[in-house]
Amino acid sequence: MSKIKTLAFVMAGGEGTRLYPLTKERSKPSVPFGGRYRIVDFALSNLINSKIYSIYLLVQYKSQSL
């Protein structure tokens, strides 16, 4: 049986205007959650736990904050 290769694209470029003032200096995916994780970490964790290792993170707004 051949191994299926899966590629994942995570869209993480949101400005997050509804989360203002949390997004004043960072993008929505990089907003801290629970003091330990960022919002984007949940999507990345789900992909890794599903054994999907080819992941592209598509960023736009304040990408340096990730």
C-alpha atoms as a PDB file:
ATOM      1  CA  MET A   1       0.000   0.000   0.000  1.00  0.00           C
ATOM      2  CA  SER A   2       1.435   3.380  -0.996  1.00  0.00           C
ATOM      3  CA  LYS A   3       1.778   6.216   1.445  1.00  0.00           C
ATOM      4  CA  ILE A   4      -0.430   9.228   0.685  1.00  0.00           C
ATOM      5  CA  LYS A   5       1.416  12.551   0.753  1.00  0.00           C
ATOM      6  CA  THR A   6      -0.673  15.428   2.045  1.00  0.00           C
ATOM      7  CA  LEU A   7       0.196  19.094   1.839  1.00  0.00           C
ATOM      8  CA  ALA A   8      -1.482  21.621   4.156  1.00  0.00           C
ATOM      9  CA  PHE A   9      -1.888  25.368   3.717  1.00  0.00           C
ATOM     10  CA  VAL A  10      -2.743  27.345   6.842  1.00  0.00           C
ATOM     11  CA  MET A  11      -4.091  30.803   6.106  1.00  0.00           C
ATOM     12  CA  ALA A  12      -2.731  32.989   8.882  1.00  0.00           C
ATOM     13  CA  GLY A  13      -2.852  36.485   7.469  1.00  0.00           C
ATOM     14  CA  GLY A  14      -5.783  38.058   9.238  1.00  0.00           C
ATOM     15  CA  GLU A  15      -5.686  41.568  10.598  1.00  0.00           C
ATOM     16  CA  GLY A  16      -8.142  40.662  13.347  1.00  0.00           C
ATOM     17  CA  THR A  17     -10.033  43.941  13.623  1.00  0.00           C
ATOM     18  CA  ARG A  18     -12.609  42.378  15.949  1.00  0.00           C
ATOM     19  CA  LEU A  19      -9.816  41.419  18.355  1.00  0.00           C
ATOM     20  CA  TYR A  20      -8.496  44.972  18.662  1.00  0.00           C
ATOM     21  CA  PRO A  21      -6.651  46.015  20.913  1.00  0.00           C
ATOM     22  CA  LEU A  22      -5.059  42.537  21.088  1.00  0.00           C
ATOM     23  CA  THR A  23      -4.086  42.888  17.423  1.00  0.00           C
ATOM     24  CA  LYS A  24      -2.708  46.400  17.697  1.00  0.00           C
ATOM     25  CA  GLU A  25       0.897  45.187  17.423  1.00  0.00           C
ATOM     26  CA  ARG A  26       0.527  41.634  16.080  1.00  0.00           C
ATOM     27  CA  SER A  27      -1.460  39.573  13.624  1.00  0.00           C
ATOM     28  CA  LYS A  28      -4.501  37.590  14.709  1.00  0.00           C
ATOM     29  CA  PRO A  29      -2.766  34.172  14.495  1.00  0.00           C
ATOM     30  CA  SER A  30      -0.012  35.346  16.842  1.00  0.00           C
ATOM     31  CA  VAL A  31      -2.350  36.532  19.608  1.00  0.00           C
ATOM     32  CA  PRO A  32      -1.522  34.641  22.833  1.00  0.00           C
ATOM     33  CA  PHE A  33      -4.065  32.170  24.156  1.00  0.00           C
ATOM     34  CA  GLY A  34      -3.883  30.915  27.715  1.00  0.00           C
ATOM     35  CA  GLY A  35      -0.495  32.549  28.280  1.00  0.00           C
ATOM     36  CA  ARG A  36       1.371  29.692  26.611  1.00  0.00           C
ATOM     37  CA  TYR A  37       0.125  29.209  23.060  1.00  0.00           C
ATOM     38  CA  ARG A  38      -0.739  31.348  20.063  1.00  0.00           C
ATOM     39  CA  ILE A  39      -3.970  30.965  18.104  1.00  0.00           C
ATOM     40  CA  VAL A  40      -2.100  29.501  15.117  1.00  0.00           C
ATOM     41  CA  ASP A  41      -0.567  26.807  17.344  1.00  0.00           C
ATOM     42  CA  PHE A  42      -3.899  24.982  17.542  1.00  0.00           C
ATOM     43  CA  ALA A  43      -4.090  24.509  13.771  1.00  0.00           C
ATOM     44  CA  LEU A  44      -0.442  23.456  13.588  1.00  0.00           C
ATOM     45  CA  SER A  45      -0.868  20.996  16.453  1.00  0.00           C
ATOM     46  CA  ASN A  46      -3.899  19.416  14.787  1.00  0.00           C
ATOM     47  CA  LEU A  47      -1.942  18.939  11.566  1.00  0.00           C
ATOM     48  CA  ILE A  48       1.039  17.368  13.328  1.00  0.00           C
ATOM     49  CA  ASN A  49      -1.227  15.062  15.350  1.00  0.00           C
ATOM     50  CA  SER A  50      -2.845  14.005  12.057  1.00  0.00           C
ATOM     51  CA  LYS A  51       0.622  13.119  10.749  1.00  0.00           C
ATOM     52  CA  ILE A  52       0.635  15.923   8.191  1.00  0.00           C
ATOM     53  CA  TYR A  53       4.148  17.307   8.143  1.00  0.00           C
ATOM     54  CA  SER A  54       4.236  19.315   4.902  1.00  0.00           C
ATOM     55  CA  ILE A  55       2.778  22.600   6.109  1.00  0.00           C
ATOM     56  CA  TYR A  56       2.841  26.027   4.508  1.00  0.00           C
ATOM     57  CA  LEU A  57       1.884  29.008   6.636  1.00  0.00           C
ATOM     58  CA  LEU A  58       0.411  31.764   4.446  1.00  0.00           C
ATOM     59  CA  VAL A  59       0.911  35.120   6.136  1.00  0.00           C
ATOM     60  CA  GLN A  60       0.233  38.700   5.124  1.00  0.00           C
ATOM     61  CA  TYR A  61      -0.655  41.191   7.865  1.00  0.00           C
ATOM     62  CA  LYS A  62       2.262  41.825  10.276  1.00  0.00           C
ATOM     63  CA  SER A  63       3.935  38.553   9.324  1.00  0.00           C
ATOM     64  CA  GLN A  64       7.002  39.397  11.427  1.00  0.00           C
ATOM     65  CA  SER A  65       4.895  38.864  14.573  1.00  0.00           C
ATOM     66  CA  LEU A  66       4.723  35.140  13.831  1.00  0.00           C
END
